[in-house]
Amino acid sequence: MTAERLVKPWKPGPQQTYIFQNASIVDPVSGSIRPCQTVKISNGIIESVRGTEEEYVIIGTGKEIVVDLNGKYLCPGLIDNHVHIAAVPGEKNLGDLFALDTEITLMRQPYVCQQMLRRGFTSVRDCGGATLALKEAINEGVIHGPRLFIAGHGLTQTGGHGDPRGPHNHTDCCGGIMALGRLCDGVPDCIRAAREELRTGADFIKIMAGGGVASPTDKLENVQFTADEVKAISEVARNANTYVTAHAYTPRSIRHAIENGANGIEHGNFIDAETAKFMAERDVFLTPTLVTYAEMASPEFSGFLPIESKEKNEQVLKAGIRSLQIAAEAGVTICFGTDLLGPLMAAQTKEFSLRSQVLSPKAILQSATIHPARRFGLEGFLGQIKKGFAADLLILKENPLDDISILDTPEKHVLAVIKDGRVFHSRWSRLEQDAIPPKEIIE
């Protein structure tokens, strides 16, 4: 064993080289299928993609694993652009979830990451709660999970979305950090908070620019942070070569965030046509999260939200589908997001069917592949099956461009999940998982 492996014995060995023959490649850019393709992946990268009309010569050690897909569909790995990994399952209601000790959530987060990967999400963007330590643990192979892009803690003002204290709680917060957020008031404090998140590994900055469902004292129509505060946070992000995205529902809060430097909006349920056009003209990304409101309103989770949050949830639930249609008609770049908390996370894939009420399968698949890849600044590496891209792939039984709802039931339609060139999960007898070391049989 090498010295490096002795220091970090969990680090996986080199990836296998796979050659997938007779693949039907799902192309999210054109919204078409390219049949009879041969895809070679090696060292975690797509080495080549060739059609049957091209001569394909295998050059290597003879140890390549050749898999005949017999026309099955090879799809780019899915990307969820809004998750909260630290809001772990295990508690029956929101209050108990936010009251969990950090140590408990840390022990449960590996399970959350593994389940997301099993559903076919090879990349996720965490909008509050996940840490650099978790990201590094995934990258080094300590635990299995998607590629992780993190905001650290979402920034919020006192009494804003992310401040879990009720109106009769007169205690001061300790160090600014509360649940998934960090409280900051005034320009100097906002600058310090943004820099602290970047220092501790944030890939981008998330701010709360308006009221939210899950917080007790802020109204949905409230605008949060002053213009100067948002400008200061945005300048810190720009100086670090990254961006600010904003939690916002209403046209007023959306414009407030964008006009002062944010170039992403989370949720946007009450958007109007004029504001959607404003976003499209400025190439601002929108990440709706419809499934979280649907799940919180379902009878199965009737006790999950407190009364004050239930009323707000009903408002945003009714407006959600219409906002998606308004944004799409205006040409806004839309990303796939779920925002599920605690036990609701099991519904992550249901977002596909909800969006299908107003969007085409092509548009929905783009929202879960090429659009978030561009949001990450990795449009030349993630979201497509092309030479030089990451070997993040799904093997599907059916064509998602015919019926996007097949992605709602990965247990029936996703045969295998490949991330970084490793088979992390397989439901197909013809393809073995290789992300876990093989058994050592001694007798």
Foldseek 3Di string as FASTA:
>chain_A
DDPVCVVVVQFDDFFAKEKEFQEFEQFLVVLHTDTGWIWIDGRQFTAAIGHPVDDDDDDDDPRYHYHYLNHFYKFFFWEAEEEALLLAADDQADVVSQVDDSVVSVVRSLVLFLVCLLLRHQEYEYEFHDFPVVQVCCVRRVGPGHNYAYQYAAEFEVQAPQNADAPPDPDDDDQQDGRRHGHADDQVRLLVVLVVSVVRPHQEYEYEQAHDLQHHRGDQPDGGDDLNSLLSSLVSQVVVVAFYEYEHAALVSLCSNVVSHHQEYEANLHDDLVSLLVNQVVQREYEHAQQQLVVCPDPVSVPHGDPSSVVVSVVSNVRRQVRLQSNVVSPHHYAYHHHHGHPSSVQRQVSQVSNVVRDALSSHLCNGWQSVCVNSVNNVATRGNRGGHGPFIWGFRDDCNVPVCVSSCCVPTTQFTAGSNFTCDGNDPSDDGDSDPDDDDPD
